[in-house]
PDB file of N, CA and C in Angstrom:
ATOM      1  N   MET A   1      -1.527  94.513-190.656  1.00  0.00           N
ATOM      2  CA  MET A   1      -1.323  93.313-189.857  1.00  0.00           C
ATOM      3  C   MET A   1      -2.622  92.827-189.230  1.00  0.00           C
ATOM      4  N   GLY A   2      -2.852  91.538-189.135  1.00  0.00           N
ATOM      5  CA  GLY A   2      -3.988  91.073-188.440  1.00  0.00           C
ATOM      6  C   GLY A   2      -3.866  91.061-186.925  1.00  0.00           C
ATOM      7  N   ARG A   3      -4.973  90.926-186.333  1.00  0.00           N
ATOM      8  CA  ARG A   3      -5.061  90.937-184.818  1.00  0.00           C
ATOM      9  C   ARG A   3      -4.607  89.521-184.327  1.00  0.00           C
ATOM     10  N   THR A   4      -3.849  89.482-183.354  1.00  0.00           N
ATOM     11  CA  THR A   4      -3.470  88.225-182.739  1.00  0.00           C
ATOM     12  C   THR A   4      -4.543  87.834-181.747  1.00  0.00           C
ATOM     13  N   VAL A   5      -5.007  86.597-181.785  1.00  0.00           N
ATOM     14  CA  VAL A   5      -5.994  86.190-180.902  1.00  0.00           C
ATOM     15  C   VAL A   5      -5.420  85.293-179.813  1.00  0.00           C
ATOM     16  N   SER A   6      -5.549  85.601-178.525  1.00  0.00           N
ATOM     17  CA  SER A   6      -5.004  84.764-177.386  1.00  0.00           C
ATOM     18  C   SER A   6      -5.969  83.622-177.166  1.00  0.00           C
ATOM     19  N   ALA A   7      -5.460  82.570-176.553  1.00  0.00           N
ATOM     20  CA  ALA A   7      -6.356  81.444-176.114  1.00  0.00           C
ATOM     21  C   ALA A   7      -7.340  81.884-175.081  1.00  0.00           C
ATOM     22  N   TYR A   8      -7.052  83.063-174.453  1.00  0.00           N
ATOM     23  CA  TYR A   8      -7.827  83.581-173.340  1.00  0.00           C
ATOM     24  C   TYR A   8      -8.713  84.761-173.772  1.00  0.00           C
ATOM     25  N   ASP A   9      -8.918  84.914-175.054  1.00  0.00           N
ATOM     26  CA  ASP A   9      -9.720  86.018-175.556  1.00  0.00           C
ATOM     27  C   ASP A   9     -11.151  85.753-175.347  1.00  0.00           C
ATOM     28  N   ASP A  10     -11.794  86.275-174.254  1.00  0.00           N
ATOM     29  CA  ASP A  10     -13.196  85.964-173.955  1.00  0.00           C
ATOM     30  C   ASP A  10     -14.082  86.297-175.060  1.00  0.00           C
ATOM     31  N   ALA A  11     -13.908  87.335-175.857  1.00  0.00           N
ATOM     32  CA  ALA A  11     -14.778  87.777-176.920  1.00  0.00           C
ATOM     33  C   ALA A  11     -14.946  86.602-177.843  1.00  0.00           C
ATOM     34  N   ASP A  12     -13.956  85.773-178.124  1.00  0.00           N
ATOM     35  CA  ASP A  12     -14.055  84.742-179.085  1.00  0.00           C
ATOM     36  C   ASP A  12     -14.739  83.495-178.570  1.00  0.00           C
ATOM     37  N   ARG A  13     -14.856  83.288-177.297  1.00  0.00           N
ATOM     38  CA  ARG A  13     -15.408  82.115-176.670  1.00  0.00           C
ATOM     39  C   ARG A  13     -16.832  82.179-176.144  1.00  0.00           C
ATOM     40  N   ARG A  14     -17.421  83.434-176.195  1.00  0.00           N
ATOM     41  CA  ARG A  14     -18.713  83.567-175.596  1.00  0.00           C
ATOM     42  C   ARG A  14     -19.784  82.984-176.487  1.00  0.00           C
ATOM     43  N   ALA A  15     -20.552  82.036-175.775  1.00  0.00           N
ATOM     44  CA  ALA A  15     -21.828  81.518-176.396  1.00  0.00           C
ATOM     45  C   ALA A  15     -23.004  82.308-176.258  1.00  0.00           C
ATOM     46  N   ALA A  16     -22.970  83.291-175.316  1.00  0.00           N
ATOM     47  CA  ALA A  16     -24.165  84.161-175.119  1.00  0.00           C
ATOM     48  C   ALA A  16     -23.703  85.471-174.447  1.00  0.00           C
ATOM     49  N   PRO A  17     -24.443  86.495-174.578  1.00  0.00           N
ATOM     50  CA  PRO A  17     -24.063  87.786-173.982  1.00  0.00           C
ATOM     51  C   PRO A  17     -23.974  87.659-172.447  1.00  0.00           C
ATOM     52  N   ARG A  18     -22.931  88.337-171.933  1.00  0.00           N
ATOM     53  CA  ARG A  18     -22.832  88.340-170.428  1.00  0.00           C
ATOM     54  C   ARG A  18     -23.103  89.664-169.882  1.00  0.00           C
ATOM     55  N   TRP A  19     -23.580  89.637-168.617  1.00  0.00           N
ATOM     56  CA  TRP A  19     -23.879  90.859-167.906  1.00  0.00           C
ATOM     57  C   TRP A  19     -23.201  90.875-166.491  1.00  0.00           C
ATOM     58  N   SER A  20     -22.591  91.963-166.196  1.00  0.00           N
ATOM     59  CA  SER A  20     -21.974  92.074-164.758  1.00  0.00           C
ATOM     60  C   SER A  20     -23.055  92.418-163.806  1.00  0.00           C
ATOM     61  N   LEU A  21     -22.801  92.318-162.509  1.00  0.00           N
ATOM     62  CA  LEU A  21     -23.827  92.691-161.507  1.00  0.00           C
ATOM     63  C   LEU A  21     -24.345  94.098-161.613  1.00  0.00           C
ATOM     64  N   ASN A  22     -23.410  94.967-162.112  1.00  0.00           N
ATOM     65  CA  ASN A  22     -23.834  96.356-162.371  1.00  0.00           C
ATOM     66  C   ASN A  22     -24.813  96.596-163.499  1.00  0.00           C
ATOM     67  N   ASP A  23     -24.771  95.581-164.433  1.00  0.00           N
ATOM     68  CA  ASP A  23     -25.792  95.661-165.497  1.00  0.00           C
ATOM     69  C   ASP A  23     -27.148  95.143-165.198  1.00  0.00           C
ATOM     70  N   LEU A  24     -27.194  94.408-164.130  1.00  0.00           N
ATOM     71  CA  LEU A  24     -28.466  93.756-163.878  1.00  0.00           C
ATOM     72  C   LEU A  24     -29.438  94.779-163.295  1.00  0.00           C
ATOM     73  N   PRO A  25     -30.763  94.593-163.559  1.00  0.00           N
ATOM     74  CA  PRO A  25     -31.662  95.561-162.957  1.00  0.00           C
ATOM     75  C   PRO A  25     -32.069  95.283-161.562  1.00  0.00           C
ATOM     76  N   TRP A  26     -31.563  94.149-160.939  1.00  0.00           N
ATOM     77  CA  TRP A  26     -31.686  93.879-159.536  1.00  0.00           C
ATOM     78  C   TRP A  26     -30.524  93.027-159.072  1.00  0.00           C
ATOM     79  N   PRO A  27     -30.277  93.132-157.720  1.00  0.00           N
ATOM     80  CA  PRO A  27     -29.048  92.434-157.140  1.00  0.00           C
ATOM     81  C   PRO A  27     -29.453  90.980-157.042  1.00  0.00           C
ATOM     82  N   ILE A  28     -28.353  90.135-157.205  1.00  0.00           N
ATOM     83  CA  ILE A  28     -28.381  88.696-157.005  1.00  0.00           C
ATOM     84  C   ILE A  28     -27.321  88.227-156.174  1.00  0.00           C
ATOM     85  N   ALA A  29     -27.695  87.382-155.065  1.00  0.00           N
ATOM     86  CA  ALA A  29     -26.683  86.841-154.309  1.00  0.00           C
ATOM     87  C   ALA A  29     -26.576  85.323-154.719  1.00  0.00           C
ATOM     88  N   CYS A  30     -25.387  84.837-154.493  1.00  0.00           N
ATOM     89  CA  CYS A  30     -25.141  83.417-154.975  1.00  0.00           C
ATOM     90  C   CYS A  30     -24.349  82.595-154.008  1.00  0.00           C
ATOM     91  N   ARG A  31     -24.873  81.464-153.781  1.00  0.00           N
ATOM     92  CA  ARG A  31     -24.146  80.432-152.908  1.00  0.00           C
ATOM     93  C   ARG A  31     -24.022  79.162-153.623  1.00  0.00           C
ATOM     94  N   ILE A  32     -22.838  78.506-153.579  1.00  0.00           N
ATOM     95  CA  ILE A  32     -22.600  77.367-154.383  1.00  0.00           C
ATOM     96  C   ILE A  32     -22.453  76.178-153.354  1.00  0.00           C
ATOM     97  N   THR A  33     -23.142  75.051-153.764  1.00  0.00           N
ATOM     98  CA  THR A  33     -23.012  73.791-152.901  1.00  0.00           C
ATOM     99  C   THR A  33     -21.630  73.331-153.139  1.00  0.00           C
ATOM    100  N   PRO A  34     -20.907  72.964-152.062  1.00  0.00           N
ATOM    101  CA  PRO A  34     -21.302  72.594-150.772  1.00  0.00           C
ATOM    102  C   PRO A  34     -21.313  73.736-149.745  1.00  0.00           C
ATOM    103  N   GLY A  35     -21.448  74.961-150.074  1.00  0.00           N
ATOM    104  CA  GLY A  35     -21.653  76.027-149.016  1.00  0.00           C
ATOM    105  C   GLY A  35     -20.794  77.188-149.098  1.00  0.00           C
ATOM    106  N   HIS A  36     -20.240  77.509-150.257  1.00  0.00           N
ATOM    107  CA  HIS A  36     -19.450  78.697-150.475  1.00  0.00           C
ATOM    108  C   HIS A  36     -20.268  79.879-150.959  1.00  0.00           C
ATOM    109  N   ASP A  37     -20.218  81.028-150.251  1.00  0.00           N
ATOM    110  CA  ASP A  37     -20.762  82.171-150.806  1.00  0.00           C
ATOM    111  C   ASP A  37     -19.820  82.736-151.861  1.00  0.00           C
ATOM    112  N   VAL A  38     -20.396  83.038-153.045  1.00  0.00           N
ATOM    113  CA  VAL A  38     -19.566  83.521-154.111  1.00  0.00           C
ATOM    114  C   VAL A  38     -20.098  84.840-154.691  1.00  0.00           C
ATOM    115  N   LEU A  39     -19.265  85.552-155.386  1.00  0.00           N
ATOM    116  CA  LEU A  39     -19.496  86.853-155.926  1.00  0.00           C
ATOM    117  C   LEU A  39     -19.757  86.595-157.411  1.00  0.00           C
ATOM    118  N   ILE A  40     -20.793  87.026-158.039  1.00  0.00           N
ATOM    119  CA  ILE A  40     -20.999  86.780-159.460  1.00  0.00           C
ATOM    120  C   ILE A  40     -20.237  87.901-160.126  1.00  0.00           C
ATOM    121  N   VAL A  41     -19.228  87.491-161.005  1.00  0.00           N
ATOM    122  CA  VAL A  41     -18.500  88.472-161.826  1.00  0.00           C
ATOM    123  C   VAL A  41     -19.324  88.865-163.046  1.00  0.00           C
ATOM    124  N   ASN A  42     -19.808  87.801-163.749  1.00  0.00           N
ATOM    125  CA  ASN A  42     -20.746  87.990-164.870  1.00  0.00           C
ATOM    126  C   ASN A  42     -21.621  86.779-164.965  1.00  0.00           C
ATOM    127  N   ILE A  43     -22.764  86.923-165.708  1.00  0.00           N
ATOM    128  CA  ILE A  43     -23.676  85.883-165.850  1.00  0.00           C
ATOM    129  C   ILE A  43     -24.354  85.935-167.238  1.00  0.00           C
ATOM    130  N   SER A  44     -24.749  84.858-167.751  1.00  0.00           N
ATOM    131  CA  SER A  44     -25.334  84.730-169.054  1.00  0.00           C
ATOM    132  C   SER A  44     -26.417  83.617-168.938  1.00  0.00           C
ATOM    133  N   ALA A  45     -27.055  83.401-170.095  1.00  0.00           N
ATOM    134  CA  ALA A  45     -28.070  82.290-170.169  1.00  0.00           C
ATOM    135  C   ALA A  45     -27.341  80.942-170.153  1.00  0.00           C
ATOM    136  N   VAL A  46     -26.028  80.866-170.388  1.00  0.00           N
ATOM    137  CA  VAL A  46     -25.363  79.550-170.462  1.00  0.00           C
ATOM    138  C   VAL A  46     -24.413  79.273-169.333  1.00  0.00           C
ATOM    139  N   GLY A  47     -24.168  80.313-168.515  1.00  0.00           N
ATOM    140  CA  GLY A  47     -23.159  80.128-167.443  1.00  0.00           C
ATOM    141  C   GLY A  47     -22.883  81.320-166.693  1.00  0.00           C
ATOM    142  N   MET A  48     -21.886  81.178-165.743  1.00  0.00           N
ATOM    143  CA  MET A  48     -21.467  82.438-165.082  1.00  0.00           C
ATOM    144  C   MET A  48     -20.010  82.294-164.643  1.00  0.00           C
ATOM    145  N   LEU A  49     -19.449  83.411-164.352  1.00  0.00           N
ATOM    146  CA  LEU A  49     -18.088  83.563-163.803  1.00  0.00           C
ATOM    147  C   LEU A  49     -18.291  84.015-162.348  1.00  0.00           C
ATOM    148  N   VAL A  50     -17.705  83.244-161.411  1.00  0.00           N
ATOM    149  CA  VAL A  50     -17.840  83.709-159.989  1.00  0.00           C
ATOM    150  C   VAL A  50     -16.459  83.770-159.396  1.00  0.00           C
ATOM    151  N   GLU A  51     -16.433  84.572-158.211  1.00  0.00           N
ATOM    152  CA  GLU A  51     -15.178  84.748-157.473  1.00  0.00           C
ATOM    153  C   GLU A  51     -15.469  84.278-156.026  1.00  0.00           C
ATOM    154  N   SER A  52     -14.435  83.583-155.435  1.00  0.00           N
ATOM    155  CA  SER A  52     -14.648  82.979-154.159  1.00  0.00           C
ATOM    156  C   SER A  52     -13.327  83.019-153.339  1.00  0.00           C
ATOM    157  N   GLU A  53     -13.451  82.998-152.048  1.00  0.00           N
ATOM    158  CA  GLU A  53     -12.328  82.917-151.202  1.00  0.00           C
ATOM    159  C   GLU A  53     -11.838  81.461-151.081  1.00  0.00           C
ATOM    160  N   ALA A  54     -12.620  80.543-151.463  1.00  0.00           N
ATOM    161  CA  ALA A  54     -12.299  79.082-151.457  1.00  0.00           C
ATOM    162  C   ALA A  54     -12.081  78.611-152.942  1.00  0.00           C
ATOM    163  N   PRO A  55     -11.097  77.824-153.090  1.00  0.00           N
ATOM    164  CA  PRO A  55     -10.806  77.264-154.454  1.00  0.00           C
ATOM    165  C   PRO A  55     -11.928  76.342-154.889  1.00  0.00           C
ATOM    166  N   LEU A  56     -12.197  76.363-156.215  1.00  0.00           N
ATOM    167  CA  LEU A  56     -13.196  75.559-156.824  1.00  0.00           C
ATOM    168  C   LEU A  56     -12.472  74.780-158.016  1.00  0.00           C
ATOM    169  N   PHE A  57     -12.904  73.598-158.293  1.00  0.00           N
ATOM    170  CA  PHE A  57     -12.110  72.730-159.078  1.00  0.00           C
ATOM    171  C   PHE A  57     -12.814  72.337-160.316  1.00  0.00           C
ATOM    172  N   PRO A  58     -12.156  72.360-161.502  1.00  0.00           N
ATOM    173  CA  PRO A  58     -12.715  72.003-162.726  1.00  0.00           C
ATOM    174  C   PRO A  58     -13.320  70.623-162.722  1.00  0.00           C
ATOM    175  N   ARG A  59     -14.333  70.380-163.570  1.00  0.00           N
ATOM    176  CA  ARG A  59     -15.120  69.077-163.770  1.00  0.00           C
ATOM    177  C   ARG A  59     -15.994  68.787-162.531  1.00  0.00           C
ATOM    178  N   ARG A  60     -16.092  69.604-161.503  1.00  0.00           N
ATOM    179  CA  ARG A  60     -16.874  69.324-160.335  1.00  0.00           C
ATOM    180  C   ARG A  60     -18.336  69.852-160.747  1.00  0.00           C
ATOM    181  N   HIS A  61     -19.332  68.971-160.391  1.00  0.00           N
ATOM    182  CA  HIS A  61     -20.741  69.337-160.653  1.00  0.00           C
ATOM    183  C   HIS A  61     -21.198  70.064-159.375  1.00  0.00           C
ATOM    184  N   VAL A  62     -21.860  71.126-159.581  1.00  0.00           N
ATOM    185  CA  VAL A  62     -22.218  72.034-158.481  1.00  0.00           C
ATOM    186  C   VAL A  62     -23.725  72.440-158.597  1.00  0.00           C
ATOM    187  N   THR A  63     -24.257  72.865-157.524  1.00  0.00           N
ATOM    188  CA  THR A  63     -25.637  73.531-157.415  1.00  0.00           C
ATOM    189  C   THR A  63     -25.424  74.959-157.110  1.00  0.00           C
ATOM    190  N   LEU A  64     -25.927  75.843-157.927  1.00  0.00           N
ATOM    191  CA  LEU A  64     -25.880  77.286-157.607  1.00  0.00           C
ATOM    192  C   LEU A  64     -27.223  77.730-157.111  1.00  0.00           C
ATOM    193  N   HIS A  65     -27.197  78.387-155.874  1.00  0.00           N
ATOM    194  CA  HIS A  65     -28.411  78.843-155.348  1.00  0.00           C
ATOM    195  C   HIS A  65     -28.384  80.428-155.478  1.00  0.00           C
ATOM    196  N   LEU A  66     -29.265  80.884-156.350  1.00  0.00           N
ATOM    197  CA  LEU A  66     -29.329  82.277-156.653  1.00  0.00           C
ATOM    198  C   LEU A  66     -30.575  82.832-155.773  1.00  0.00           C
ATOM    199  N   ALA A  67     -30.326  84.046-155.202  1.00  0.00           N
ATOM    200  CA  ALA A  67     -31.346  84.671-154.406  1.00  0.00           C
ATOM    201  C   ALA A  67     -31.507  86.152-154.780  1.00  0.00           C
ATOM    202  N   ARG A  68     -32.694  86.631-154.942  1.00  0.00           N
ATOM    203  CA  ARG A  68     -33.005  87.990-155.335  1.00  0.00           C
ATOM    204  C   ARG A  68     -34.288  88.378-154.512  1.00  0.00           C
ATOM    205  N   SER A  69     -34.124  89.318-153.571  1.00  0.00           N
ATOM    206  CA  SER A  69     -35.132  89.709-152.761  1.00  0.00           C
ATOM    207  C   SER A  69     -35.766  88.507-152.022  1.00  0.00           C
ATOM    208  N   SER A  70     -37.087  88.200-152.286  1.00  0.00           N
ATOM    209  CA  SER A  70     -37.715  87.109-151.619  1.00  0.00           C
ATOM    210  C   SER A  70     -37.787  85.884-152.492  1.00  0.00           C
ATOM    211  N   GLN A  71     -37.121  85.992-153.662  1.00  0.00           N
ATOM    212  CA  GLN A  71     -37.180  84.836-154.595  1.00  0.00           C
ATOM    213  C   GLN A  71     -35.825  84.072-154.668  1.00  0.00           C
ATOM    214  N   SER A  72     -35.858  82.860-154.819  1.00  0.00           N
ATOM    215  CA  SER A  72     -34.626  82.032-154.976  1.00  0.00           C
ATOM    216  C   SER A  72     -34.912  80.949-155.999  1.00  0.00           C
ATOM    217  N   LEU A  73     -33.699  80.505-156.503  1.00  0.00           N
ATOM    218  CA  LEU A  73     -33.744  79.499-157.549  1.00  0.00           C
ATOM    219  C   LEU A  73     -32.396  78.747-157.451  1.00  0.00           C
ATOM    220  N   SER A  74     -32.507  77.418-157.832  1.00  0.00           N
ATOM    221  CA  SER A  74     -31.289  76.541-157.947  1.00  0.00           C
ATOM    222  C   SER A  74     -31.040  76.155-159.275  1.00  0.00           C
ATOM    223  N   LEU A  75     -29.768  76.152-159.677  1.00  0.00           N
ATOM    224  CA  LEU A  75     -29.397  75.756-161.038  1.00  0.00           C
ATOM    225  C   LEU A  75     -28.216  74.728-160.924  1.00  0.00           C
ATOM    226  N   GLN A  76     -28.283  73.709-161.729  1.00  0.00           N
ATOM    227  CA  GLN A  76     -27.138  72.785-161.812  1.00  0.00           C
ATOM    228  C   GLN A  76     -26.118  73.155-162.872  1.00  0.00           C
ATOM    229  N   GLY A  77     -24.862  72.940-162.528  1.00  0.00           N
ATOM    230  CA  GLY A  77     -23.792  73.283-163.466  1.00  0.00           C
ATOM    231  C   GLY A  77     -22.557  72.529-163.243  1.00  0.00           C
ATOM    232  N   THR A  78     -21.548  72.752-164.099  1.00  0.00           N
ATOM    233  CA  THR A  78     -20.254  72.164-164.039  1.00  0.00           C
ATOM    234  C   THR A  78     -19.175  73.208-164.061  1.00  0.00           C
ATOM    235  N   ILE A  79     -18.169  73.160-163.175  1.00  0.00           N
ATOM    236  CA  ILE A  79     -17.035  74.079-163.271  1.00  0.00           C
ATOM    237  C   ILE A  79     -16.195  73.666-164.434  1.00  0.00           C
ATOM    238  N   VAL A  80     -16.023  74.660-165.466  1.00  0.00           N
ATOM    239  CA  VAL A  80     -15.319  74.242-166.632  1.00  0.00           C
ATOM    240  C   VAL A  80     -13.915  74.901-166.623  1.00  0.00           C
ATOM    241  N   ARG A  81     -13.664  75.904-165.819  1.00  0.00           N
ATOM    242  CA  ARG A  81     -12.254  76.440-165.642  1.00  0.00           C
ATOM    243  C   ARG A  81     -12.235  77.057-164.231  1.00  0.00           C
ATOM    244  N   ALA A  82     -11.012  77.130-163.687  1.00  0.00           N
ATOM    245  CA  ALA A  82     -10.768  77.739-162.318  1.00  0.00           C
ATOM    246  C   ALA A  82      -9.367  78.164-162.293  1.00  0.00           C
ATOM    247  N   TYR A  83      -9.182  79.324-161.521  1.00  0.00           N
ATOM    248  CA  TYR A  83      -7.813  79.811-161.449  1.00  0.00           C
ATOM    249  C   TYR A  83      -7.730  80.779-160.307  1.00  0.00           C
ATOM    250  N   LEU A  84      -6.451  80.977-159.819  1.00  0.00           N
ATOM    251  CA  LEU A  84      -6.214  81.946-158.785  1.00  0.00           C
ATOM    252  C   LEU A  84      -6.258  83.279-159.404  1.00  0.00           C
ATOM    253  N   ALA A  85      -7.191  84.221-158.918  1.00  0.00           N
ATOM    254  CA  ALA A  85      -7.356  85.498-159.545  1.00  0.00           C
ATOM    255  C   ALA A  85      -6.422  86.527-158.921  1.00  0.00           C
ATOM    256  N   THR A  86      -6.411  86.596-157.517  1.00  0.00           N
ATOM    257  CA  THR A  86      -5.528  87.504-156.886  1.00  0.00           C
ATOM    258  C   THR A  86      -4.919  86.932-155.602  1.00  0.00           C
ATOM    259  N   LEU A  87      -3.808  87.543-155.142  1.00  0.00           N
ATOM    260  CA  LEU A  87      -3.267  87.034-153.973  1.00  0.00           C
ATOM    261  C   LEU A  87      -2.970  88.311-153.164  1.00  0.00           C
ATOM    262  N   ASP A  88      -3.735  88.602-152.196  1.00  0.00           N
ATOM    263  CA  ASP A  88      -3.542  89.885-151.368  1.00  0.00           C
ATOM    264  C   ASP A  88      -2.952  89.515-150.009  1.00  0.00           C
ATOM    265  N   VAL A  89      -1.983  90.328-149.505  1.00  0.00           N
ATOM    266  CA  VAL A  89      -1.318  90.080-148.301  1.00  0.00           C
ATOM    267  C   VAL A  89      -2.367  90.046-147.128  1.00  0.00           C
ATOM    268  N   THR A  90      -3.250  90.934-147.164  1.00  0.00           N
ATOM    269  CA  THR A  90      -4.115  91.050-146.001  1.00  0.00           C
ATOM    270  C   THR A  90      -5.415  90.184-146.149  1.00  0.00           C
ATOM    271  N   ARG A  91      -6.039  90.107-147.402  1.00  0.00           N
ATOM    272  CA  ARG A  91      -7.199  89.335-147.563  1.00  0.00           C
ATOM    273  C   ARG A  91      -6.924  87.884-147.981  1.00  0.00           C
ATOM    274  N   GLY A  92      -5.812  87.568-148.473  1.00  0.00           N
ATOM    275  CA  GLY A  92      -5.425  86.209-148.860  1.00  0.00           C
ATOM    276  C   GLY A  92      -5.835  85.901-150.308  1.00  0.00           C
ATOM    277  N   PRO A  93      -5.937  84.687-150.728  1.00  0.00           N
ATOM    278  CA  PRO A  93      -6.175  84.420-152.149  1.00  0.00           C
ATOM    279  C   PRO A  93      -7.651  84.605-152.494  1.00  0.00           C
ATOM    280  N   THR A  94      -7.858  84.994-153.780  1.00  0.00           N
ATOM    281  CA  THR A  94      -9.197  84.981-154.391  1.00  0.00           C
ATOM    282  C   THR A  94      -9.144  84.151-155.637  1.00  0.00           C
ATOM    283  N   PHE A  95     -10.156  83.316-155.778  1.00  0.00           N
ATOM    284  CA  PHE A  95     -10.249  82.382-156.879  1.00  0.00           C
ATOM    285  C   PHE A  95     -11.376  82.746-157.813  1.00  0.00           C
ATOM    286  N   ARG A  96     -11.262  82.433-159.035  1.00  0.00           N
ATOM    287  CA  ARG A  96     -12.384  82.618-160.092  1.00  0.00           C
ATOM    288  C   ARG A  96     -12.642  81.267-160.653  1.00  0.00           C
ATOM    289  N   ALA A  97     -13.907  81.015-160.997  1.00  0.00           N
ATOM    290  CA  ALA A  97     -14.303  79.786-161.722  1.00  0.00           C
ATOM    291  C   ALA A  97     -15.440  80.124-162.747  1.00  0.00           C
ATOM    292  N   GLY A  98     -15.302  79.506-163.881  1.00  0.00           N
ATOM    293  CA  GLY A  98     -16.302  79.544-164.929  1.00  0.00           C
ATOM    294  C   GLY A  98     -17.227  78.390-164.815  1.00  0.00           C
ATOM    295  N   ILE A  99     -18.469  78.596-164.690  1.00  0.00           N
ATOM    296  CA  ILE A  99     -19.475  77.500-164.463  1.00  0.00           C
ATOM    297  C   ILE A  99     -20.425  77.472-165.596  1.00  0.00           C
ATOM    298  N   ALA A 100     -20.547  76.291-166.252  1.00  0.00           N
ATOM    299  CA  ALA A 100     -21.529  76.157-167.419  1.00  0.00           C
ATOM    300  C   ALA A 100     -22.781  75.504-166.799  1.00  0.00           C
ATOM    301  N   PHE A 101     -23.933  76.151-167.104  1.00  0.00           N
ATOM    302  CA  PHE A 101     -25.152  75.579-166.688  1.00  0.00           C
ATOM    303  C   PHE A 101     -25.510  74.288-167.386  1.00  0.00           C
ATOM    304  N   ALA A 102     -26.097  73.369-166.684  1.00  0.00           N
ATOM    305  CA  ALA A 102     -26.582  72.119-167.297  1.00  0.00           C
ATOM    306  C   ALA A 102     -27.648  72.376-168.309  1.00  0.00           C
ATOM    307  N   GLN A 103     -28.465  73.383-168.123  1.00  0.00           N
ATOM    308  CA  GLN A 103     -29.558  73.758-169.107  1.00  0.00           C
ATOM    309  C   GLN A 103     -29.448  75.229-169.393  1.00  0.00           C
ATOM    310  N   LEU A 104     -29.909  75.555-170.516  1.00  0.00           N
ATOM    311  CA  LEU A 104     -29.984  76.999-170.881  1.00  0.00           C
ATOM    312  C   LEU A 104     -30.942  77.690-169.818  1.00  0.00           C
ATOM    313  N   PHE A 105     -30.486  78.742-169.333  1.00  0.00           N
ATOM    314  CA  PHE A 105     -31.210  79.562-168.351  1.00  0.00           C
ATOM    315  C   PHE A 105     -32.110  80.570-169.115  1.00  0.00           C
ATOM    316  N   GLU A 106     -33.045  80.202-169.719  1.00  0.00           N
ATOM    317  CA  GLU A 106     -33.997  81.013-170.583  1.00  0.00           C
ATOM    318  C   GLU A 106     -34.530  82.206-169.828  1.00  0.00           C
ATOM    319  N   PRO A 107     -34.974  82.014-168.593  1.00  0.00           N
ATOM    320  CA  PRO A 107     -35.632  83.093-167.907  1.00  0.00           C
ATOM    321  C   PRO A 107     -34.673  84.285-167.669  1.00  0.00           C
ATOM    322  N   LEU A 108     -33.417  84.058-167.425  1.00  0.00           N
ATOM    323  CA  LEU A 108     -32.466  85.180-167.238  1.00  0.00           C
ATOM    324  C   LEU A 108     -32.290  85.933-168.581  1.00  0.00           C
ATOM    325  N   ARG A 109     -32.212  85.191-169.671  1.00  0.00           N
ATOM    326  CA  ARG A 109     -32.045  85.852-170.932  1.00  0.00           C
ATOM    327  C   ARG A 109     -33.205  86.665-171.341  1.00  0.00           C
ATOM    328  N   ASP A 110     -34.389  86.127-171.035  1.00  0.00           N
ATOM    329  CA  ASP A 110     -35.617  86.861-171.397  1.00  0.00           C
ATOM    330  C   ASP A 110     -35.784  88.126-170.483  1.00  0.00           C
ATOM    331  N   LEU A 111     -35.623  87.877-169.211  1.00  0.00           N
ATOM    332  CA  LEU A 111     -35.669  89.070-168.240  1.00  0.00           C
ATOM    333  C   LEU A 111     -34.789  90.157-168.545  1.00  0.00           C
ATOM    334  N   LEU A 112     -33.539  89.770-168.839  1.00  0.00           N
ATOM    335  CA  LEU A 112     -32.460  90.883-169.098  1.00  0.00           C
ATOM    336  C   LEU A 112     -32.789  91.414-170.445  1.00  0.00           C
ATOM    337  N   ARG A 113     -33.184  90.721-171.348  1.00  0.00           N
ATOM    338  CA  ARG A 113     -33.590  91.330-172.686  1.00  0.00           C
ATOM    339  C   ARG A 113     -34.620  92.378-172.627  1.00  0.00           C
ATOM    340  N   SER A 114     -35.664  92.148-171.835  1.00  0.00           N
ATOM    341  CA  SER A 114     -36.696  93.128-171.674  1.00  0.00           C
ATOM    342  C   SER A 114     -36.343  94.225-170.760  1.00  0.00           C
ATOM    343  N   ALA A 115     -35.463  93.943-169.717  1.00  0.00           N
ATOM    344  CA  ALA A 115     -35.155  95.022-168.783  1.00  0.00           C
ATOM    345  C   ALA A 115     -34.122  95.947-169.309  1.00  0.00           C
ATOM    346  N   LEU A 116     -33.201  95.485-170.228  1.00  0.00           N
ATOM    347  CA  LEU A 116     -32.153  96.258-170.698  1.00  0.00           C
ATOM    348  C   LEU A 116     -32.422  96.934-172.058  1.00  0.00           C
ATOM    349  N   HIS A 117     -33.495  96.576-172.677  1.00  0.00           N
ATOM    350  CA  HIS A 117     -33.803  97.180-173.995  1.00  0.00           C
ATOM    351  C   HIS A 117     -34.965  98.090-173.885  1.00  0.00           C
TER     352      HIS A 117
END
């Protein structure tokens, strides 16, 4: 029997390799305009998946402010999908959003390729 592929099968939709924060050689903090701190779930040269306490909405154009040590960088992107990830009685809701970068983020791909190989 063949394997059934779900519409949500991430392995079939990926345009570039993704790295979790644990895979990165250095920590990255992220803030999304208009002012939400978000946790990076994974990141690639074409986009990232973030987690937030505030809902984020598809088709919204955003600016991502990434910070690492004393360096910072801003990227433009568009939220391509968003959903309620968890609902905790004490912490409240947690939302996730997939963000596609407006331009290929070549420095990340090159840095990670050299750091991880």
